[in-house]
C-alpha atoms as a PDB file:
ATOM      1  CA  MET A   1      41.465 -18.015 -51.294  1.00  0.00           C
ATOM      2  CA  ASN A   2      41.368 -14.250 -51.070  1.00  0.00           C
ATOM      3  CA  VAL A   3      39.902 -12.832 -47.860  1.00  0.00           C
ATOM      4  CA  PRO A   4      38.244  -9.455 -48.460  1.00  0.00           C
ATOM      5  CA  ARG A   5      40.002  -6.637 -46.665  1.00  0.00           C
ATOM      6  CA  VAL A   6      38.014  -4.938 -43.908  1.00  0.00           C
ATOM      7  CA  THR A   7      37.705  -1.294 -44.788  1.00  0.00           C
ATOM      8  CA  ASP A   8      38.139   1.174 -41.932  1.00  0.00           C
ATOM      9  CA  ILE A   9      34.932   2.984 -41.021  1.00  0.00           C
ATOM     10  CA  SER A  10      35.150   6.738 -41.459  1.00  0.00           C
ATOM     11  CA  GLY A  11      34.167   9.156 -38.723  1.00  0.00           C
ATOM     12  CA  SER A  12      31.068  10.140 -40.671  1.00  0.00           C
ATOM     13  CA  GLN A  13      30.004   6.513 -41.077  1.00  0.00           C
ATOM     14  CA  TRP A  14      30.599   5.812 -37.392  1.00  0.00           C
ATOM     15  CA  HIS A  15      28.512   8.838 -36.474  1.00  0.00           C
ATOM     16  CA  GLN A  16      25.653   7.528 -38.633  1.00  0.00           C
ATOM     17  CA  ILE A  17      25.856   4.088 -36.996  1.00  0.00           C
ATOM     18  CA  VAL A  18      25.823   5.500 -33.474  1.00  0.00           C
ATOM     19  CA  ASN A  19      22.953   7.873 -34.253  1.00  0.00           C
ATOM     20  CA  GLY A  20      20.974   4.944 -35.616  1.00  0.00           C
ATOM     21  CA  ALA A  21      20.651   3.641 -32.067  1.00  0.00           C
ATOM     22  CA  THR A  22      17.761   5.948 -31.193  1.00  0.00           C
ATOM     23  CA  GLU A  23      16.602   3.843 -28.211  1.00  0.00           C
ATOM     24  CA  THR A  24      20.041   3.816 -26.576  1.00  0.00           C
ATOM     25  CA  ALA A  25      22.165   6.689 -25.310  1.00  0.00           C
ATOM     26  CA  ILE A  26      25.758   6.338 -26.532  1.00  0.00           C
ATOM     27  CA  ILE A  27      28.013   9.020 -25.073  1.00  0.00           C
ATOM     28  CA  SER A  28      31.782   9.414 -25.226  1.00  0.00           C
ATOM     29  CA  THR A  29      33.844  11.437 -22.770  1.00  0.00           C
ATOM     30  CA  ASP A  30      37.435  12.440 -22.254  1.00  0.00           C
ATOM     31  CA  GLN A  31      39.544  11.099 -19.392  1.00  0.00           C
ATOM     32  CA  GLN A  32      37.924  13.517 -16.939  1.00  0.00           C
ATOM     33  CA  GLY A  33      34.350  12.596 -17.887  1.00  0.00           C
ATOM     34  CA  ASN A  34      33.594  15.632 -20.064  1.00  0.00           C
ATOM     35  CA  VAL A  35      31.351  14.838 -23.042  1.00  0.00           C
ATOM     36  CA  THR A  36      33.049  14.546 -26.446  1.00  0.00           C
ATOM     37  CA  SER A  37      30.134  13.029 -28.381  1.00  0.00           C
ATOM     38  CA  TRP A  38      26.414  12.637 -27.774  1.00  0.00           C
ATOM     39  CA  ASN A  39      24.222  10.544 -30.046  1.00  0.00           C
ATOM     40  CA  THR A  40      20.606  10.999 -31.086  1.00  0.00           C
ATOM     41  CA  GLY A  41      19.496   8.379 -28.553  1.00  0.00           C
ATOM     42  CA  ALA A  42      21.122  10.404 -25.743  1.00  0.00           C
ATOM     43  CA  SER A  43      19.241  13.510 -26.853  1.00  0.00           C
ATOM     44  CA  ARG A  44      15.971  11.586 -26.976  1.00  0.00           C
ATOM     45  CA  LEU A  45      16.414   9.924 -23.585  1.00  0.00           C
ATOM     46  CA  LEU A  46      18.032  12.763 -21.656  1.00  0.00           C
ATOM     47  CA  GLY A  47      16.697  15.892 -23.347  1.00  0.00           C
ATOM     48  CA  TRP A  48      19.950  17.785 -23.921  1.00  0.00           C
ATOM     49  CA  THR A  49      21.226  18.269 -27.460  1.00  0.00           C
ATOM     50  CA  GLU A  50      24.770  17.375 -28.444  1.00  0.00           C
ATOM     51  CA  GLU A  51      25.615  21.081 -28.692  1.00  0.00           C
ATOM     52  CA  GLU A  52      24.430  21.647 -25.118  1.00  0.00           C
ATOM     53  CA  MET A  53      26.459  18.750 -23.722  1.00  0.00           C
ATOM     54  CA  LEU A  54      29.767  18.899 -25.590  1.00  0.00           C
ATOM     55  CA  GLY A  55      32.486  19.825 -23.098  1.00  0.00           C
ATOM     56  CA  GLN A  56      30.089  19.440 -20.136  1.00  0.00           C
ATOM     57  CA  SER A  57      30.617  16.949 -17.338  1.00  0.00           C
ATOM     58  CA  LEU A  58      28.595  13.748 -17.639  1.00  0.00           C
ATOM     59  CA  SER A  59      27.924  14.046 -13.903  1.00  0.00           C
ATOM     60  CA  ARG A  60      24.858  16.194 -14.593  1.00  0.00           C
ATOM     61  CA  ILE A  61      22.831  13.102 -15.545  1.00  0.00           C
ATOM     62  CA  PHE A  62      23.237  11.611 -12.042  1.00  0.00           C
ATOM     63  CA  GLY A  63      20.337  12.747  -9.879  1.00  0.00           C
ATOM     64  CA  GLU A  64      22.246  12.448  -6.619  1.00  0.00           C
ATOM     65  CA  GLU A  65      23.618  14.749  -3.910  1.00  0.00           C
ATOM     66  CA  GLU A  66      27.194  14.222  -5.129  1.00  0.00           C
ATOM     67  CA  PRO A  67      26.963  13.428  -8.863  1.00  0.00           C
ATOM     68  CA  GLY A  68      30.669  14.181  -9.401  1.00  0.00           C
ATOM     69  CA  ALA A  69      31.666  11.539  -6.878  1.00  0.00           C
ATOM     70  CA  ARG A  70      29.410   8.980  -8.598  1.00  0.00           C
ATOM     71  CA  LEU A  71      30.989   9.697 -11.998  1.00  0.00           C
ATOM     72  CA  ASN A  72      34.496   9.472 -10.515  1.00  0.00           C
ATOM     73  CA  ARG A  73      33.665   6.040  -9.045  1.00  0.00           C
ATOM     74  CA  GLU A  74      32.490   4.783 -12.431  1.00  0.00           C
ATOM     75  CA  ILE A  75      35.647   6.118 -14.114  1.00  0.00           C
ATOM     76  CA  ASP A  76      37.826   4.508 -11.445  1.00  0.00           C
ATOM     77  CA  ASP A  77      36.047   1.151 -11.850  1.00  0.00           C
ATOM     78  CA  ALA A  78      36.345   1.367 -15.649  1.00  0.00           C
ATOM     79  CA  VAL A  79      40.100   1.984 -15.374  1.00  0.00           C
ATOM     80  CA  ARG A  80      40.660  -0.777 -12.797  1.00  0.00           C
ATOM     81  CA  HIS A  81      38.220  -3.427 -14.000  1.00  0.00           C
ATOM     82  CA  GLY A  82      37.345  -2.525 -17.590  1.00  0.00           C
ATOM     83  CA  ARG A  83      33.807  -1.449 -16.746  1.00  0.00           C
ATOM     84  CA  GLY A  84      32.191   1.062 -14.429  1.00  0.00           C
ATOM     85  CA  GLY A  85      28.581   1.330 -13.330  1.00  0.00           C
ATOM     86  CA  GLY A  86      26.425  -1.458 -14.691  1.00  0.00           C
ATOM     87  CA  GLU A  87      23.851  -1.340 -11.911  1.00  0.00           C
ATOM     88  CA  GLU A  88      20.358   0.001 -12.484  1.00  0.00           C
ATOM     89  CA  GLY A  89      19.294   3.340 -11.029  1.00  0.00           C
ATOM     90  CA  TRP A  90      17.694   6.732 -11.505  1.00  0.00           C
ATOM     91  CA  ARG A  91      19.114   9.261 -13.952  1.00  0.00           C
ATOM     92  CA  LEU A  92      18.186  12.883 -14.479  1.00  0.00           C
ATOM     93  CA  ARG A  93      16.752  14.480 -17.614  1.00  0.00           C
ATOM     94  CA  LYS A  94      17.172  18.077 -18.696  1.00  0.00           C
ATOM     95  CA  ASP A  95      13.624  18.925 -17.504  1.00  0.00           C
ATOM     96  CA  GLY A  96      14.401  17.607 -14.016  1.00  0.00           C
ATOM     97  CA  SER A  97      12.383  14.394 -14.357  1.00  0.00           C
ATOM     98  CA  ARG A  98      13.921  11.056 -13.514  1.00  0.00           C
ATOM     99  CA  PHE A  99      13.910   7.759 -15.379  1.00  0.00           C
ATOM    100  CA  TRP A 100      15.186   4.280 -14.529  1.00  0.00           C
ATOM    101  CA  VAL A 101      18.166   3.083 -16.552  1.00  0.00           C
ATOM    102  CA  VAL A 102      20.771   0.398 -16.840  1.00  0.00           C
ATOM    103  CA  GLY A 103      24.146   1.361 -18.250  1.00  0.00           C
ATOM    104  CA  GLU A 104      27.893   0.989 -18.056  1.00  0.00           C
ATOM    105  CA  LEU A 105      31.036   3.008 -18.654  1.00  0.00           C
ATOM    106  CA  SER A 106      33.882   1.408 -20.629  1.00  0.00           C
ATOM    107  CA  PRO A 107      37.347   2.752 -21.473  1.00  0.00           C
ATOM    108  CA  ILE A 108      38.330   3.869 -24.986  1.00  0.00           C
ATOM    109  CA  ARG A 109      41.924   2.817 -25.675  1.00  0.00           C
ATOM    110  CA  ASP A 110      44.553   3.956 -28.116  1.00  0.00           C
ATOM    111  CA  GLY A 111      46.839   0.960 -27.886  1.00  0.00           C
ATOM    112  CA  THR A 112      47.364   0.521 -24.168  1.00  0.00           C
ATOM    113  CA  LYS A 113      46.536   4.097 -23.244  1.00  0.00           C
ATOM    114  CA  ILE A 114      43.054   5.090 -22.069  1.00  0.00           C
ATOM    115  CA  VAL A 115      42.045   8.222 -23.976  1.00  0.00           C
ATOM    116  CA  GLY A 116      38.416   8.450 -22.880  1.00  0.00           C
ATOM    117  CA  PHE A 117      35.298   6.518 -22.028  1.00  0.00           C
ATOM    118  CA  ILE A 118      32.096   5.353 -23.681  1.00  0.00           C
ATOM    119  CA  LYS A 119      28.858   5.493 -21.682  1.00  0.00           C
ATOM    120  CA  ILE A 120      25.854   3.447 -22.791  1.00  0.00           C
ATOM    121  CA  LEU A 121      22.414   3.912 -21.196  1.00  0.00           C
ATOM    122  CA  ARG A 122      19.156   2.083 -21.822  1.00  0.00           C
ATOM    123  CA  ASP A 123      15.791   3.201 -20.473  1.00  0.00           C
ATOM    124  CA  ARG A 124      14.168   0.508 -18.302  1.00  0.00           C
ATOM    125  CA  THR A 125      11.416   2.639 -16.741  1.00  0.00           C
ATOM    126  CA  ALA A 126       8.539   0.790 -18.429  1.00  0.00           C
ATOM    127  CA  GLN A 127      10.048  -2.635 -17.730  1.00  0.00           C
ATOM    128  CA  ARG A 128      10.656  -1.714 -14.073  1.00  0.00           C
ATOM    129  CA  GLU A 129       7.061  -0.526 -13.654  1.00  0.00           C
ATOM    130  CA  ALA A 130       5.776  -3.755 -15.211  1.00  0.00           C
ATOM    131  CA  GLU A 131       8.018  -5.837 -12.948  1.00  0.00           C
ATOM    132  CA  GLN A 132       6.868  -3.902  -9.884  1.00  0.00           C
ATOM    133  CA  GLU A 133       3.236  -4.355 -10.906  1.00  0.00           C
ATOM    134  CA  ILE A 134       3.724  -8.110 -11.225  1.00  0.00           C
ATOM    135  CA  HIS A 135       5.533  -8.159  -7.883  1.00  0.00           C
ATOM    136  CA  GLU A 136       2.684  -6.236  -6.205  1.00  0.00           C
ATOM    137  CA  GLU A 137       0.078  -8.556  -7.715  1.00  0.00           C
ATOM    138  CA  ARG A 138       1.945 -11.595  -6.400  1.00  0.00           C
ATOM    139  CA  ARG A 139       2.355  -9.969  -2.989  1.00  0.00           C
ATOM    140  CA  ALA A 140      -1.353  -9.127  -2.850  1.00  0.00           C
ATOM    141  CA  LEU A 141      -2.297 -12.694  -3.772  1.00  0.00           C
ATOM    142  CA  GLU A 142       0.024 -14.055  -1.077  1.00  0.00           C
ATOM    143  CA  ILE A 143      -1.551 -11.774   1.544  1.00  0.00           C
ATOM    144  CA  LEU A 144      -5.094 -12.651   0.466  1.00  0.00           C
ATOM    145  CA  ASN A 145      -4.332 -16.373   0.319  1.00  0.00           C
ATOM    146  CA  ARG A 146      -2.765 -16.245   3.777  1.00  0.00           C
ATOM    147  CA  ALA A 147      -5.734 -14.340   5.188  1.00  0.00           C
ATOM    148  CA  GLY A 148      -8.191 -16.624   3.395  1.00  0.00           C
ATOM    149  CA  SER A 149      -6.558 -19.723   4.894  1.00  0.00           C
ATOM    150  CA  VAL A 150      -7.060 -18.308   8.389  1.00  0.00           C
ATOM    151  CA  LEU A 151     -10.617 -17.109   7.722  1.00  0.00           C
ATOM    152  CA  ALA A 152     -11.571 -20.564   6.433  1.00  0.00           C
ATOM    153  CA  VAL A 153     -10.882 -22.210   9.799  1.00  0.00           C
ATOM    154  CA  GLU A 154     -11.069 -19.389  12.357  1.00  0.00           C
ATOM    155  CA  THR A 155     -14.279 -19.063  14.388  1.00  0.00           C
ATOM    156  CA  ASP A 156     -13.298 -16.394  16.935  1.00  0.00           C
ATOM    157  CA  LEU A 157     -14.781 -13.035  15.883  1.00  0.00           C
ATOM    158  CA  GLU A 158     -12.013 -10.881  17.326  1.00  0.00           C
ATOM    159  CA  ARG A 159      -9.356 -13.009  15.628  1.00  0.00           C
ATOM    160  CA  LEU A 160     -11.232 -12.842  12.319  1.00  0.00           C
ATOM    161  CA  VAL A 161     -11.433  -9.050  12.439  1.00  0.00           C
ATOM    162  CA  GLN A 162      -7.754  -8.812  13.404  1.00  0.00           C
ATOM    163  CA  VAL A 163      -6.740 -10.940  10.409  1.00  0.00           C
ATOM    164  CA  VAL A 164      -8.767  -8.723   8.046  1.00  0.00           C
ATOM    165  CA  THR A 165      -7.318  -5.540   9.578  1.00  0.00           C
ATOM    166  CA  ASP A 166      -3.751  -6.847   9.300  1.00  0.00           C
ATOM    167  CA  ALA A 167      -4.331  -7.842   5.675  1.00  0.00           C
ATOM    168  CA  GLY A 168      -5.787  -4.429   4.842  1.00  0.00           C
ATOM    169  CA  VAL A 169      -2.777  -2.607   6.300  1.00  0.00           C
ATOM    170  CA  GLU A 170      -0.335  -4.888   4.505  1.00  0.00           C
ATOM    171  CA  LEU A 171      -2.150  -4.577   1.173  1.00  0.00           C
ATOM    172  CA  THR A 172      -2.356  -0.784   1.235  1.00  0.00           C
ATOM    173  CA  GLY A 173       1.102  -0.182   2.667  1.00  0.00           C
ATOM    174  CA  ALA A 174      -0.409   2.022   5.369  1.00  0.00           C
ATOM    175  CA  GLU A 175       1.625   2.803   8.460  1.00  0.00           C
ATOM    176  CA  PHE A 176      -1.177   1.483  10.644  1.00  0.00           C
ATOM    177  CA  GLY A 177      -4.868   0.718  10.521  1.00  0.00           C
ATOM    178  CA  ALA A 178      -7.865   0.437  12.815  1.00  0.00           C
ATOM    179  CA  PHE A 179     -11.218  -1.279  12.434  1.00  0.00           C
ATOM    180  CA  PHE A 180     -14.210  -0.493  14.643  1.00  0.00           C
ATOM    181  CA  TYR A 181     -17.212  -2.780  14.843  1.00  0.00           C
ATOM    182  CA  ASN A 182     -20.304  -3.246  16.965  1.00  0.00           C
ATOM    183  CA  VAL A 183     -21.260  -6.420  18.792  1.00  0.00           C
ATOM    184  CA  ILE A 184     -24.613  -7.302  20.335  1.00  0.00           C
ATOM    185  CA  ASN A 185     -24.328  -9.132  23.667  1.00  0.00           C
ATOM    186  CA  THR A 186     -26.753 -11.712  25.065  1.00  0.00           C
ATOM    187  CA  ALA A 187     -28.781  -8.948  26.697  1.00  0.00           C
ATOM    188  CA  GLY A 188     -29.331  -7.290  23.318  1.00  0.00           C
ATOM    189  CA  GLU A 189     -27.022  -4.396  24.138  1.00  0.00           C
ATOM    190  CA  SER A 190     -24.679  -2.973  21.527  1.00  0.00           C
ATOM    191  CA  TYR A 191     -21.070  -2.242  22.392  1.00  0.00           C
ATOM    192  CA  MET A 192     -18.041  -1.318  20.357  1.00  0.00           C
ATOM    193  CA  LEU A 193     -14.833  -3.273  19.782  1.00  0.00           C
ATOM    194  CA  TYR A 194     -11.822  -2.446  17.627  1.00  0.00           C
ATOM    195  CA  THR A 195      -8.634  -3.924  16.238  1.00  0.00           C
ATOM    196  CA  LEU A 196      -5.334  -2.183  15.512  1.00  0.00           C
ATOM    197  CA  SER A 197      -2.602  -3.197  13.113  1.00  0.00           C
ATOM    198  CA  GLY A 198       0.900  -1.877  12.546  1.00  0.00           C
ATOM    199  CA  VAL A 199       1.078   0.091  15.779  1.00  0.00           C
ATOM    200  CA  PRO A 200       1.002  -0.847  19.458  1.00  0.00           C
ATOM    201  CA  ILE A 201      -2.056   0.139  21.458  1.00  0.00           C
ATOM    202  CA  GLU A 202       0.177   2.347  23.615  1.00  0.00           C
ATOM    203  CA  ALA A 203       0.640   4.659  20.638  1.00  0.00           C
ATOM    204  CA  PHE A 204      -2.992   5.751  21.041  1.00  0.00           C
ATOM    205  CA  SER A 205      -2.642   6.555  24.714  1.00  0.00           C
ATOM    206  CA  LYS A 206      -2.114  10.315  24.937  1.00  0.00           C
ATOM    207  CA  PRO A 207      -1.275  11.331  28.547  1.00  0.00           C
ATOM    208  CA  ASP A 208      -1.215  14.984  27.520  1.00  0.00           C
ATOM    209  CA  VAL A 209      -4.847  14.774  26.347  1.00  0.00           C
ATOM    210  CA  ARG A 210      -5.850  13.036  29.569  1.00  0.00           C
ATOM    211  CA  SER A 211      -4.013  15.618  31.667  1.00  0.00           C
ATOM    212  CA  TYR A 212      -5.538  18.460  29.638  1.00  0.00           C
ATOM    213  CA  SER A 213      -9.040  17.067  30.146  1.00  0.00           C
ATOM    214  CA  ALA A 214      -8.507  16.477  33.882  1.00  0.00           C
ATOM    215  CA  GLU A 215      -7.184  20.021  34.300  1.00  0.00           C
ATOM    216  CA  ILE A 216     -10.282  21.474  32.590  1.00  0.00           C
ATOM    217  CA  LEU A 217     -12.654  19.458  34.760  1.00  0.00           C
ATOM    218  CA  ARG A 218     -10.831  20.319  37.990  1.00  0.00           C
ATOM    219  CA  GLU A 219     -10.881  23.990  37.041  1.00  0.00           C
ATOM    220  CA  LEU A 220     -14.646  23.664  36.617  1.00  0.00           C
ATOM    221  CA  GLY A 221     -14.893  22.363  40.179  1.00  0.00           C
ATOM    222  CA  TYR A 222     -15.324  18.633  39.532  1.00  0.00           C
ATOM    223  CA  ARG A 223     -13.490  15.965  41.513  1.00  0.00           C
ATOM    224  CA  VAL A 224     -11.449  13.953  38.970  1.00  0.00           C
ATOM    225  CA  LEU A 225      -9.939  10.471  39.190  1.00  0.00           C
ATOM    226  CA  GLU A 226      -7.422   9.505  36.481  1.00  0.00           C
ATOM    227  CA  ALA A 227      -6.442   6.098  35.073  1.00  0.00           C
ATOM    228  CA  HIS A 228      -3.769   5.488  32.425  1.00  0.00           C
ATOM    229  CA  ASP A 229      -5.334   2.373  30.847  1.00  0.00           C
ATOM    230  CA  GLY A 230      -8.440   0.185  30.784  1.00  0.00           C
ATOM    231  CA  PRO A 231      -7.572  -2.173  33.664  1.00  0.00           C
ATOM    232  CA  SER A 232      -6.538   0.765  35.860  1.00  0.00           C
ATOM    233  CA  ALA A 233      -9.840   2.479  35.101  1.00  0.00           C
ATOM    234  CA  LEU A 234     -11.790  -0.605  36.204  1.00  0.00           C
ATOM    235  CA  ARG A 235      -9.808  -0.838  39.457  1.00  0.00           C
ATOM    236  CA  THR A 236     -10.374   2.869  40.128  1.00  0.00           C
ATOM    237  CA  LEU A 237     -14.117   2.480  39.566  1.00  0.00           C
ATOM    238  CA  GLU A 238     -14.218  -0.469  41.979  1.00  0.00           C
ATOM    239  CA  GLN A 239     -12.452   1.593  44.641  1.00  0.00           C
ATOM    240  CA  HIS A 240     -14.693   4.643  44.159  1.00  0.00           C
ATOM    241  CA  PRO A 241     -18.340   3.580  43.785  1.00  0.00           C
ATOM    242  CA  ARG A 242     -19.683   7.173  43.864  1.00  0.00           C
ATOM    243  CA  VAL A 243     -18.739   8.179  40.342  1.00  0.00           C
ATOM    244  CA  ASP A 244     -21.293  10.163  38.331  1.00  0.00           C
ATOM    245  CA  LEU A 245     -19.615  10.256  34.913  1.00  0.00           C
ATOM    246  CA  LEU A 246     -17.017   8.174  33.112  1.00  0.00           C
ATOM    247  CA  PHE A 247     -15.003  10.064  30.466  1.00  0.00           C
ATOM    248  CA  THR A 248     -12.930   7.673  28.363  1.00  0.00           C
ATOM    249  CA  ASP A 249     -11.132   7.435  25.056  1.00  0.00           C
ATOM    250  CA  VAL A 250     -12.512   4.810  22.679  1.00  0.00           C
ATOM    251  CA  VAL A 251      -9.000   3.395  22.255  1.00  0.00           C
ATOM    252  CA  LEU A 252      -7.149   2.551  25.466  1.00  0.00           C
ATOM    253  CA  PRO A 253      -3.908   0.726  26.246  1.00  0.00           C
ATOM    254  CA  GLY A 254      -3.890  -2.331  28.458  1.00  0.00           C
ATOM    255  CA  GLY A 255      -6.009  -4.651  26.320  1.00  0.00           C
ATOM    256  CA  VAL A 256      -9.407  -3.257  27.382  1.00  0.00           C
ATOM    257  CA  THR A 257     -11.318  -0.794  25.194  1.00  0.00           C
ATOM    258  CA  GLY A 258     -13.187   2.245  26.417  1.00  0.00           C
ATOM    259  CA  ALA A 259     -16.436   0.535  25.429  1.00  0.00           C
ATOM    260  CA  GLN A 260     -15.534  -2.520  27.508  1.00  0.00           C
ATOM    261  CA  VAL A 261     -14.675  -0.354  30.522  1.00  0.00           C
ATOM    262  CA  ALA A 262     -18.025   1.410  30.168  1.00  0.00           C
ATOM    263  CA  ALA A 263     -19.960  -1.860  29.779  1.00  0.00           C
ATOM    264  CA  GLN A 264     -18.382  -3.410  32.880  1.00  0.00           C
ATOM    265  CA  ALA A 265     -18.861  -0.233  34.905  1.00  0.00           C
ATOM    266  CA  LYS A 266     -22.529   0.125  33.935  1.00  0.00           C
ATOM    267  CA  ALA A 267     -23.194  -3.505  34.793  1.00  0.00           C
ATOM    268  CA  SER A 268     -22.824  -2.642  38.487  1.00  0.00           C
ATOM    269  CA  ARG A 269     -24.052   0.970  38.287  1.00  0.00           C
ATOM    270  CA  PRO A 270     -26.677   1.328  35.513  1.00  0.00           C
ATOM    271  CA  ARG A 271     -27.137   5.055  36.168  1.00  0.00           C
ATOM    272  CA  LEU A 272     -23.483   5.840  35.388  1.00  0.00           C
ATOM    273  CA  LYS A 273     -23.163   8.313  32.534  1.00  0.00           C
ATOM    274  CA  VAL A 274     -20.466   7.697  29.940  1.00  0.00           C
ATOM    275  CA  LEU A 275     -18.807  10.177  27.607  1.00  0.00           C
ATOM    276  CA  PHE A 276     -16.491   8.835  24.891  1.00  0.00           C
ATOM    277  CA  THR A 277     -13.823  10.739  23.005  1.00  0.00           C
ATOM    278  CA  THR A 278     -11.847   9.809  19.904  1.00  0.00           C
ATOM    279  CA  GLY A 279      -9.554  11.340  17.329  1.00  0.00           C
ATOM    280  CA  TYR A 280     -10.977   9.115  14.577  1.00  0.00           C
ATOM    281  CA  ALA A 281     -13.445  10.315  11.983  1.00  0.00           C
ATOM    282  CA  ARG A 282     -17.010  10.290  13.297  1.00  0.00           C
ATOM    283  CA  ASN A 283     -17.913   7.533  10.823  1.00  0.00           C
ATOM    284  CA  ALA A 284     -15.774   5.164  12.901  1.00  0.00           C
ATOM    285  CA  ILE A 285     -18.137   5.687  15.865  1.00  0.00           C
ATOM    286  CA  ILE A 286     -21.437   6.783  14.327  1.00  0.00           C
ATOM    287  CA  HIS A 287     -23.544   4.387  12.297  1.00  0.00           C
ATOM    288  CA  HIS A 288     -26.085   5.449   9.644  1.00  0.00           C
ATOM    289  CA  GLY A 289     -25.854   9.067  10.784  1.00  0.00           C
ATOM    290  CA  ARG A 290     -26.630   8.371  14.441  1.00  0.00           C
ATOM    291  CA  LEU A 291     -24.843   7.352  17.600  1.00  0.00           C
ATOM    292  CA  ASP A 292     -25.539   3.948  19.098  1.00  0.00           C
ATOM    293  CA  LYS A 293     -28.170   4.076  21.793  1.00  0.00           C
ATOM    294  CA  GLY A 294     -26.868   5.615  24.994  1.00  0.00           C
ATOM    295  CA  VAL A 295     -23.521   6.671  23.523  1.00  0.00           C
ATOM    296  CA  GLN A 296     -22.334  10.239  24.065  1.00  0.00           C
ATOM    297  CA  LEU A 297     -19.315  11.418  22.086  1.00  0.00           C
ATOM    298  CA  ILE A 298     -16.971  14.385  21.909  1.00  0.00           C
ATOM    299  CA  THR A 299     -14.386  14.272  19.119  1.00  0.00           C
ATOM    300  CA  LYS A 300     -10.789  15.399  19.482  1.00  0.00           C
ATOM    301  CA  PRO A 301      -9.513  18.018  19.399  1.00  0.00           C
ATOM    302  CA  PHE A 302     -11.989  19.711  21.721  1.00  0.00           C
ATOM    303  CA  SER A 303     -11.841  23.068  23.467  1.00  0.00           C
ATOM    304  CA  PHE A 304     -12.349  24.033  27.109  1.00  0.00           C
ATOM    305  CA  ASN A 305     -15.894  25.191  26.342  1.00  0.00           C
ATOM    306  CA  ASP A 306     -16.677  22.063  24.287  1.00  0.00           C
ATOM    307  CA  LEU A 307     -15.817  19.735  27.162  1.00  0.00           C
ATOM    308  CA  ALA A 308     -17.348  21.956  29.827  1.00  0.00           C
ATOM    309  CA  GLY A 309     -20.668  22.190  27.980  1.00  0.00           C
ATOM    310  CA  LYS A 310     -20.826  18.481  27.161  1.00  0.00           C
ATOM    311  CA  VAL A 311     -20.142  17.329  30.723  1.00  0.00           C
ATOM    312  CA  ARG A 312     -22.614  19.841  32.196  1.00  0.00           C
ATOM    313  CA  ASP A 313     -25.359  18.761  29.771  1.00  0.00           C
ATOM    314  CA  MET A 314     -24.835  15.102  30.581  1.00  0.00           C
ATOM    315  CA  LEU A 315     -24.878  15.619  34.345  1.00  0.00           C
ATOM    316  CA  ASP A 316     -27.938  17.866  34.169  1.00  0.00           C
ATOM    317  CA  ASN A 317     -29.824  15.326  32.070  1.00  0.00           C
END
């Protein structure tokens, strides 16, 4: 039986075959990584024409601080192991944009001698985005299912709000989150509670703000007592019954909120005046365009005159 002889492919035919792969970049280089051929797919994916890239280092497609070192590693791996690269990563286009690819570098041999390398790249940007979207959907469902399981059996209000706050921070990827809410006690009085997620309560304790405020008030001639957290404030109030005004941040360290300090203090001294401050947006404290009954607020940052005027008005009234 006669076996048909395989005819060698001419350079022109090989060029046509390679350029037919319009969705894949096929690039050849010399031993140093300088481009010797650049197919149509490479031009489409990377933006440079073959004329622009011939003789240029392939390192320019690596969007890294040391692209030359990355190319040298791939060449070294291809020489030692028969393939370099292979992992997915970002590559750089001519216009400076990046796209996600998978590709490898293989040696071109003439007998046993390596005379150059062939680099193949495939664009996986769309697939990666789809995979990430699926991953995020699964992650969101896991978070919601976990929160839903707790909400289905939990009866403690503070715990319920904490679970919702934690879930919100995890879902959005925020660094931290806070949730303020009002509670009506048995006496029909409204007071504010809050939950924090992703950050310790101590992160909201700003000694410099407290010191700044105390310095202003002392300069105005007031006698000032300072406390670094909620429990300390309650102890200070117990030790000094003749206090005319309590100035407190809404968020305090120590497990007791400013609203709770104010409520406990006013229980034994109903005529005590309370001024709150916060760095949060006013919507976190004000409901339906108005402050809760009896609540006085000054938002941070405030000036010397802002604080001086607010305290004077409250004491005079």
